Amino acid sequence: MRTQVAIIGAGPAGLLLAHLLRRAGLDAVVLERRDRDYVEGRVRAGVLEQVTVDLMNDLGLGKRMRAEGLVHTGTNIAADGELFRIDMAELTGGSTVMVYGQQEVMKDLFDAAEPRGVQIIFDAEDVALHDIDSAKPHVTWRKDGFEHRLDCDFIAGCDGYHGVSRAAIPADVLKTFERVYPFGWLGVLAEVPPCDHELIYSNHDRGFALASMRSPTRSRYYIQCGLDEKIEDWSDERFWDELCLRLGPEAGARVTRGASFEKSIAPLRSFVSEPMRHGRLFLAGDAAHIVPPTGAKGLNLAASDVVMLAEALTEHYQEGSDAGVNGYSARALARVWKAERFSWWFTGLTHRFPDRDGFDRKMQVAELAYMRGSRAAQVTLAENYVGLPLV
């Protein structure tokens, strides 16, 4: 087989890139080691930045998102139970976020793929990248007991943190930066109405909590927990009790309890690998960086990565210029590090760290009090939350 761009991974980064390249008239083949049901069924992000919403609309994939997604013009912070609101739209000149789950984004991307001629090969096992330093890279894999080979001009590694793409970059070239947090998020999904029409981020003496949603009838709630805790130790009753306590009396009183149908514990980390391009290989999305979910940046960073990458590849083929290709890594990383900074800062502001003392706790309380009374502080949070512009 032969194509212009081989895309490894059919998650948000890979599928968005495939649609962008197809629209530009470029050929691409997407290789995915799982099947569609698995990829589409993964419970992940739920808040889309303005940039991501605009991208879905620009690709002609936003019809269902506009009908079913929930536009949020603000968000709420609770400090030991006392709520205050950040009016993001007013503070940023009209920018908002959209609550629309990654599962729904993936359904829209998959449904449009075949009609638009986006080629996806599922169940591709033992994917390997070859000759990424040469002008003629290729990819091999196994499917249905047979070996396959795809020759290409470029490879886009969109296969996540545990994928093969980043590992293909030589160790003496790749630099990684990581911060592992000493806690995780225990999250539940329940078919109950949300306790508020906007998200609530809660900093409580017992730890962080987040009240979120996926629809007017489906709620997504999280609480900070230890990394050694087990899901089976958290009955629904225990979870609801702890959530309501951390949200405070005002928000906690509005929580509708019900049976959870999904419950999981996710560790938190910040991770960046540099460079995001080596030879004919580009990294995008979780293959290059991970953010703690506090700032809702994971899916959105994947979207901004592939917008930049698609622009660079289109410039290469249509204008004969490699300026975008050569500048992709530096351009993408500039936005990545700003999002990493915001996610790290927001996590530090809202969570309890076991190795911090009373002074650190007082600093958290003081910063939250400052934010409550300072428009400048609220602008800083709001413009980062809705997403910084592409540069």
Protein backbone atom coordinates (compact mmCIF):
# COMPACT_ATOMS: atom_id res chain seq x y z
CA MET A 1 0.00 0.00 0.00
CA ARG A 2 1.05 3.60 -0.58
CA THR A 3 -0.21 6.85 0.91
CA GLN A 4 1.05 10.34 1.66
CA VAL A 5 0.49 10.30 5.44
CA ALA A 6 0.28 7.23 7.66
CA ILE A 7 -1.63 8.02 10.85
CA ILE A 8 -1.05 5.74 13.83
CA GLY A 9 -4.06 5.73 16.15
CA ALA A 10 -7.77 6.40 15.55
CA GLY A 11 -8.44 8.45 18.66
CA PRO A 12 -9.37 12.15 18.56
CA ALA A 13 -5.97 13.31 17.29
CA GLY A 14 -5.74 10.69 14.54
CA LEU A 15 -9.31 11.05 13.28
CA LEU A 16 -9.35 14.85 13.38
CA LEU A 17 -6.07 14.89 11.44
CA ALA A 18 -7.45 12.40 8.90
CA HIS A 19 -10.51 14.58 8.29
CA LEU A 20 -8.38 17.73 7.98
CA LEU A 21 -6.05 16.08 5.45
CA ARG A 22 -8.95 14.64 3.48
CA ARG A 23 -10.54 18.07 3.23
CA ALA A 24 -7.23 19.40 1.87
CA GLY A 25 -7.20 16.69 -0.79
CA LEU A 26 -4.35 14.71 0.79
CA ASP A 27 -4.21 10.93 1.10
CA ALA A 28 -3.95 9.30 4.51
CA VAL A 29 -4.47 5.87 6.04
CA VAL A 30 -5.29 5.45 9.74
CA LEU A 31 -4.04 2.35 11.59
CA GLU A 32 -5.75 1.42 14.86
CA ARG A 33 -4.88 -1.61 16.97
CA ARG A 34 -8.36 -1.82 18.53
CA ASP A 35 -11.84 -1.98 16.99
CA ARG A 36 -14.25 0.93 16.65
CA ASP A 37 -16.41 -0.06 19.62
CA TYR A 38 -13.41 0.01 21.95
CA VAL A 39 -12.12 3.38 20.75
CA GLU A 40 -15.54 4.98 20.75
CA GLY A 41 -16.46 3.54 24.14
CA ARG A 42 -13.57 4.98 26.13
CA VAL A 43 -14.83 7.37 28.82
CA ARG A 44 -12.60 10.41 28.58
CA ALA A 45 -12.84 14.18 28.29
CA GLY A 46 -16.08 16.10 28.30
CA VAL A 47 -15.25 19.83 27.98
CA LEU A 48 -14.38 21.28 24.57
CA GLU A 49 -12.53 24.58 24.19
CA GLN A 50 -13.71 27.18 21.72
CA VAL A 51 -10.91 26.13 19.35
CA THR A 52 -12.14 22.52 19.32
CA VAL A 53 -15.78 23.54 18.89
CA ASP A 54 -14.79 25.78 15.99
CA LEU A 55 -12.80 22.91 14.44
CA MET A 56 -15.73 20.50 14.58
CA ASN A 57 -17.98 23.11 12.99
CA ASP A 58 -15.37 24.00 10.37
CA LEU A 59 -15.11 20.34 9.37
CA GLY A 60 -18.88 20.12 9.00
CA LEU A 61 -19.07 17.69 11.94
CA GLY A 62 -20.78 19.91 14.49
CA LYS A 63 -24.49 19.39 13.79
CA ARG A 64 -25.12 16.89 16.60
CA MET A 65 -22.71 18.71 18.90
CA ARG A 66 -24.65 21.95 18.46
CA ALA A 67 -27.93 20.15 19.10
CA GLU A 68 -26.88 18.06 22.11
CA GLY A 69 -23.84 19.83 23.57
CA LEU A 70 -24.18 22.14 26.56
CA VAL A 71 -22.66 25.61 26.14
CA HIS A 72 -21.15 26.94 29.36
CA THR A 73 -20.47 30.64 29.70
CA GLY A 74 -18.96 30.27 33.18
CA THR A 75 -17.69 27.91 35.82
CA ASN A 76 -17.84 27.77 39.61
CA ILE A 77 -15.29 27.37 42.37
CA ALA A 78 -16.11 26.28 45.90
CA ALA A 79 -13.67 27.11 48.68
CA ASP A 80 -14.57 24.99 51.72
CA GLY A 81 -18.19 25.05 50.61
CA GLU A 82 -18.51 28.73 49.65
CA LEU A 83 -19.28 29.14 45.95
CA PHE A 84 -18.27 31.88 43.56
CA ARG A 85 -18.69 32.04 39.78
CA ILE A 86 -16.20 32.89 37.02
CA ASP A 87 -18.06 34.51 34.10
CA MET A 88 -15.82 33.26 31.31
CA ALA A 89 -17.79 34.76 28.43
CA GLU A 90 -17.84 38.24 29.96
CA LEU A 91 -14.16 38.07 30.91
CA THR A 92 -12.93 36.84 27.51
CA GLY A 93 -15.06 38.80 25.08
CA GLY A 94 -17.59 36.03 24.46
CA SER A 95 -15.58 32.80 24.47
CA THR A 96 -17.29 29.75 25.97
CA VAL A 97 -16.75 26.02 26.39
CA MET A 98 -18.96 23.13 25.30
CA VAL A 99 -19.78 20.07 27.39
CA TYR A 100 -19.80 17.26 24.84
CA GLY A 101 -18.15 13.94 25.70
CA GLN A 102 -15.20 12.49 23.84
CA GLN A 103 -17.32 9.43 23.11
CA GLU A 104 -19.74 11.65 21.18
CA VAL A 105 -16.90 13.38 19.34
CA MET A 106 -15.54 10.00 18.29
CA LYS A 107 -18.95 8.83 17.09
CA ASP A 108 -19.24 11.92 14.88
CA LEU A 109 -15.72 11.41 13.50
CA PHE A 110 -16.27 7.71 12.79
CA ASP A 111 -19.73 8.18 11.25
CA ALA A 112 -18.35 10.72 8.77
CA ALA A 113 -15.17 8.80 7.93
CA GLU A 114 -16.45 6.28 5.37
CA PRO A 115 -18.73 8.71 3.48
CA ARG A 116 -15.80 11.12 3.16
CA GLY A 117 -13.31 8.47 2.09
CA VAL A 118 -11.27 8.46 5.28
CA GLN A 119 -9.61 5.04 5.36
CA ILE A 120 -9.29 3.35 8.78
CA ILE A 121 -7.76 -0.07 9.32
CA PHE A 122 -8.90 -1.51 12.65
CA ASP A 123 -7.35 -4.43 14.56
CA ALA A 124 -3.87 -3.64 13.26
CA GLU A 125 -1.53 -5.61 15.51
CA ASP A 126 2.22 -5.26 16.07
CA VAL A 127 2.43 -1.88 14.34
CA ALA A 128 6.05 -0.86 13.72
CA LEU A 129 7.59 2.29 12.25
CA HIS A 130 10.57 2.02 9.92
CA ASP A 131 13.12 4.41 8.36
CA ILE A 132 11.66 7.54 9.95
CA ASP A 133 15.00 9.29 9.36
CA SER A 134 14.85 8.65 5.62
CA ALA A 135 12.81 10.19 2.80
CA LYS A 136 10.91 6.91 2.44
CA PRO A 137 9.49 5.78 5.79
CA HIS A 138 7.07 2.89 6.04
CA VAL A 139 4.84 1.16 8.56
CA THR A 140 4.21 -2.56 9.04
CA TRP A 141 1.51 -4.43 10.96
CA ARG A 142 -0.30 -7.74 11.22
CA LYS A 143 -3.99 -8.28 10.59
CA ASP A 144 -5.92 -11.54 10.27
CA GLY A 145 -2.66 -13.48 10.36
CA PHE A 146 -1.06 -11.60 7.46
CA GLU A 147 1.80 -9.10 7.34
CA HIS A 148 1.08 -5.72 5.77
CA ARG A 149 3.24 -2.77 4.72
CA LEU A 150 2.33 0.86 4.09
CA ASP A 151 4.82 3.14 2.32
CA CYS A 152 4.34 6.85 2.96
CA ASP A 153 5.94 10.29 2.95
CA PHE A 154 5.20 11.11 6.59
CA ILE A 155 4.01 9.35 9.74
CA ALA A 156 1.74 11.00 12.32
CA GLY A 157 2.02 9.32 15.72
CA CYS A 158 -1.40 9.80 17.33
CA ASP A 159 -1.41 6.56 19.30
CA GLY A 160 -1.40 7.84 22.86
CA TYR A 161 0.95 7.67 25.80
CA HIS A 162 1.47 3.89 25.55
CA GLY A 163 1.74 3.79 21.75
CA VAL A 164 4.70 2.82 19.58
CA SER A 165 5.29 6.19 17.91
CA ARG A 166 7.12 8.07 20.66
CA ALA A 167 9.26 5.00 21.32
CA ALA A 168 10.46 5.15 17.69
CA ILE A 169 12.36 8.37 18.38
CA PRO A 170 15.97 7.61 19.41
CA ALA A 171 16.62 7.86 23.14
CA ASP A 172 19.48 10.32 22.61
CA VAL A 173 17.08 12.67 20.80
CA LEU A 174 13.97 12.44 22.95
CA LYS A 175 13.69 14.46 26.15
CA THR A 176 10.84 13.89 28.58
CA PHE A 177 9.52 16.01 31.43
CA GLU A 178 7.15 14.55 34.00
CA ARG A 179 5.38 15.34 37.24
CA VAL A 180 3.45 12.50 38.90
CA TYR A 181 0.85 13.64 41.42
CA PRO A 182 0.42 11.81 44.75
CA PHE A 183 -3.30 11.21 44.26
CA GLY A 184 -5.90 10.17 41.73
CA TRP A 185 -9.49 10.93 40.75
CA LEU A 186 -12.30 8.57 41.66
CA GLY A 187 -15.00 9.22 39.07
CA VAL A 188 -18.55 8.00 38.62
CA LEU A 189 -21.16 8.30 35.89
CA ALA A 190 -24.80 8.19 36.94
CA GLU A 191 -28.12 8.71 35.19
CA VAL A 192 -29.11 11.60 37.42
CA PRO A 193 -29.52 15.32 36.65
CA PRO A 194 -26.46 17.50 37.45
CA CYS A 195 -26.45 19.49 40.67
CA ASP A 196 -25.72 22.69 38.73
CA HIS A 197 -26.00 23.86 35.12
CA GLU A 198 -22.24 24.60 35.14
CA LEU A 199 -19.18 22.79 36.52
CA ILE A 200 -18.17 23.21 40.16
CA TYR A 201 -14.51 22.83 41.16
CA SER A 202 -14.27 22.38 44.92
CA ASN A 203 -11.27 22.86 47.18
CA HIS A 204 -12.15 21.32 50.54
CA ASP A 205 -10.12 20.46 53.58
CA ARG A 206 -10.79 16.77 52.83
CA GLY A 207 -9.70 17.08 49.21
CA PHE A 208 -10.79 18.09 45.73
CA ALA A 209 -14.19 17.39 44.17
CA LEU A 210 -15.67 18.16 40.76
CA ALA A 211 -19.32 18.29 39.77
CA SER A 212 -19.64 17.87 36.02
CA MET A 213 -22.12 16.41 33.54
CA ARG A 214 -22.52 14.78 30.14
CA SER A 215 -26.13 15.80 29.52
CA PRO A 216 -29.12 17.28 31.38
CA THR A 217 -29.85 13.77 32.69
CA ARG A 218 -26.34 12.27 33.08
CA SER A 219 -23.86 13.46 35.71
CA ARG A 220 -20.11 12.98 35.98
CA TYR A 221 -18.65 13.46 39.46
CA TYR A 222 -15.10 13.13 40.79
CA ILE A 223 -13.36 13.21 44.15
CA GLN A 224 -9.66 13.22 44.93
CA CYS A 225 -8.47 9.91 46.39
CA GLY A 226 -5.27 8.14 47.35
CA LEU A 227 -3.40 6.11 44.77
CA ASP A 228 -3.66 3.05 47.01
CA GLU A 229 -7.44 3.15 47.21
CA LYS A 230 -9.59 0.49 45.53
CA ILE A 231 -12.86 0.95 43.69
CA GLU A 232 -14.52 -1.88 45.61
CA ASP A 233 -14.00 0.06 48.83
CA TRP A 234 -16.16 2.89 47.50
CA SER A 235 -19.82 1.99 47.59
CA ASP A 236 -22.16 4.43 45.87
CA GLU A 237 -23.42 5.56 49.27
CA ARG A 238 -19.92 6.32 50.53
CA PHE A 239 -19.10 8.21 47.34
CA TRP A 240 -22.22 10.39 47.46
CA ASP A 241 -21.66 11.19 51.13
CA GLU A 242 -18.08 12.29 50.51
CA LEU A 243 -18.94 14.23 47.36
CA CYS A 244 -21.69 16.23 49.06
CA LEU A 245 -19.43 17.00 52.00
CA ARG A 246 -16.66 18.35 49.75
CA LEU A 247 -18.99 20.35 47.51
CA GLY A 248 -20.39 22.11 50.56
CA PRO A 249 -23.91 22.56 51.87
CA GLU A 250 -25.22 24.73 49.01
CA ALA A 251 -24.13 22.51 46.09
CA GLY A 252 -24.29 19.26 48.06
CA ALA A 253 -27.97 19.80 48.81
CA ARG A 254 -28.68 19.84 45.06
CA VAL A 255 -26.96 16.52 44.32
CA THR A 256 -29.36 13.83 43.09
CA ARG A 257 -28.15 10.42 44.19
CA GLY A 258 -28.49 7.31 42.09
CA ALA A 259 -26.78 4.08 41.07
CA SER A 260 -23.50 4.59 39.22
CA PHE A 261 -23.01 2.70 35.96
CA GLU A 262 -19.31 3.51 35.58
CA LYS A 263 -16.74 3.94 38.33
CA SER A 264 -12.98 4.25 37.92
CA ILE A 265 -9.83 5.64 39.52
CA ALA A 266 -7.41 7.57 37.32
CA PRO A 267 -3.91 8.67 38.42
CA LEU A 268 -2.83 12.23 37.56
CA ARG A 269 0.37 13.23 35.79
CA SER A 270 1.89 16.01 33.74
CA PHE A 271 4.11 14.78 30.89
CA VAL A 272 5.75 16.35 27.85
CA SER A 273 8.16 14.85 25.34
CA GLU A 274 10.36 16.95 23.07
CA PRO A 275 10.72 17.23 20.15
CA MET A 276 7.32 16.52 18.62
CA ARG A 277 8.95 15.86 15.26
CA HIS A 278 11.88 13.64 14.33
CA GLY A 279 12.69 13.03 10.69
CA ARG A 280 9.46 12.08 8.94
CA LEU A 281 7.64 11.30 12.19
CA PHE A 282 5.37 13.78 13.99
CA LEU A 283 3.78 13.28 17.41
CA ALA A 284 0.37 14.66 18.31
CA GLY A 285 -1.98 14.38 21.27
CA ASP A 286 -1.27 12.02 24.16
CA ALA A 287 1.66 10.48 22.28
CA ALA A 288 3.51 13.72 23.06
CA HIS A 289 1.94 15.08 26.23
CA ILE A 290 -0.37 14.32 29.14
CA VAL A 291 -2.09 16.85 31.40
CA PRO A 292 -3.97 16.32 34.63
CA PRO A 293 -7.70 16.52 33.84
CA THR A 294 -8.26 19.50 36.14
CA GLY A 295 -7.93 22.01 33.31
CA ALA A 296 -9.80 19.91 30.69
CA LYS A 297 -6.95 20.25 28.18
CA GLY A 298 -6.17 16.73 26.95
CA LEU A 299 -8.55 16.41 23.99
CA ASN A 300 -8.26 20.11 23.25
CA LEU A 301 -4.47 19.97 22.99
CA ALA A 302 -4.79 17.03 20.60
CA ALA A 303 -7.10 19.15 18.44
CA SER A 304 -4.73 22.12 18.34
CA ASP A 305 -1.76 19.84 17.57
CA VAL A 306 -3.41 18.37 14.50
CA VAL A 307 -4.65 21.73 13.23
CA MET A 308 -1.02 22.88 13.21
CA LEU A 309 0.18 19.61 11.70
CA ALA A 310 -2.47 19.63 8.97
CA GLU A 311 -1.51 23.20 8.06
CA ALA A 312 2.16 22.19 7.85
CA LEU A 313 1.51 19.14 5.67
CA THR A 314 -0.88 21.02 3.39
CA GLU A 315 1.76 23.72 2.92
CA HIS A 316 4.31 21.03 2.05
CA TYR A 317 2.17 19.42 -0.64
CA GLN A 318 0.36 22.43 -2.07
CA GLU A 319 3.05 25.11 -1.84
CA GLY A 320 6.24 23.08 -1.82
CA SER A 321 7.34 24.71 1.43
CA ASP A 322 8.71 22.89 4.45
CA ALA A 323 8.56 25.91 6.74
CA GLY A 324 5.52 24.56 8.56
CA VAL A 325 6.92 21.03 8.75
CA ASN A 326 10.19 22.29 10.20
CA GLY A 327 8.42 24.61 12.63
CA TYR A 328 5.69 22.22 13.77
CA SER A 329 7.37 20.98 16.95
CA ALA A 330 8.28 24.42 18.29
CA ARG A 331 4.86 25.85 17.40
CA ALA A 332 2.92 23.01 19.00
CA LEU A 333 5.10 22.88 22.11
CA ALA A 334 4.63 26.61 22.75
CA ARG A 335 0.90 26.01 23.24
CA VAL A 336 1.40 22.67 24.99
CA TRP A 337 3.60 24.17 27.72
CA LYS A 338 1.10 26.96 28.38
CA ALA A 339 -1.66 24.38 28.80
CA GLU A 340 0.62 22.27 31.01
CA ARG A 341 1.27 25.35 33.16
CA PHE A 342 -2.43 26.08 33.55
CA SER A 343 -3.32 22.47 34.36
CA TRP A 344 -0.46 22.22 36.89
CA TRP A 345 -1.44 25.53 38.51
CA PHE A 346 -5.16 24.74 38.66
CA THR A 347 -4.44 21.29 40.10
CA GLY A 348 -2.22 22.84 42.76
CA LEU A 349 -4.89 25.40 43.61
CA THR A 350 -7.75 22.94 44.04
CA HIS A 351 -6.19 19.76 45.49
CA ARG A 352 -4.78 18.77 48.86
CA PHE A 353 -1.19 17.51 48.66
CA PRO A 354 -0.16 15.04 51.40
CA ASP A 355 3.38 16.44 51.60
CA ARG A 356 2.29 20.05 52.11
CA ASP A 357 1.91 21.69 55.49
CA GLY A 358 -0.35 24.27 57.09
CA PHE A 359 1.45 27.17 55.42
CA ASP A 360 0.75 25.72 51.97
CA ARG A 361 -2.91 25.32 52.86
CA LYS A 362 -3.09 28.96 53.95
CA MET A 363 -1.57 29.97 50.61
CA GLN A 364 -4.30 28.05 48.77
CA VAL A 365 -7.00 29.76 50.81
CA ALA A 366 -5.43 33.17 50.24
CA GLU A 367 -5.16 32.66 46.49
CA LEU A 368 -8.78 31.54 46.25
CA ALA A 369 -9.84 34.60 48.24
CA TYR A 370 -7.78 36.83 45.95
CA MET A 371 -9.37 35.27 42.87
CA ARG A 372 -12.84 35.78 44.27
CA GLY A 373 -12.26 39.52 44.57
CA SER A 374 -9.92 40.20 41.64
CA ARG A 375 -11.14 40.63 38.08
CA ALA A 376 -7.56 40.35 36.82
CA ALA A 377 -7.15 36.95 38.49
CA GLN A 378 -10.46 35.78 37.06
CA VAL A 379 -9.45 36.89 33.55
CA THR A 380 -6.28 34.82 33.82
CA LEU A 381 -8.27 31.72 34.76
CA ALA A 382 -11.00 32.34 32.20
CA GLU A 383 -8.79 32.94 29.16
CA ASN A 384 -6.79 29.79 29.89
CA TYR A 385 -9.90 27.72 30.60
CA VAL A 386 -11.68 28.58 27.35
CA GLY A 387 -8.41 27.95 25.50
CA LEU A 388 -5.62 30.17 24.30
CA PRO A 389 -5.72 31.10 20.60
CA LEU A 390 -3.67 29.25 18.03
CA VAL A 391 -0.54 31.20 17.12
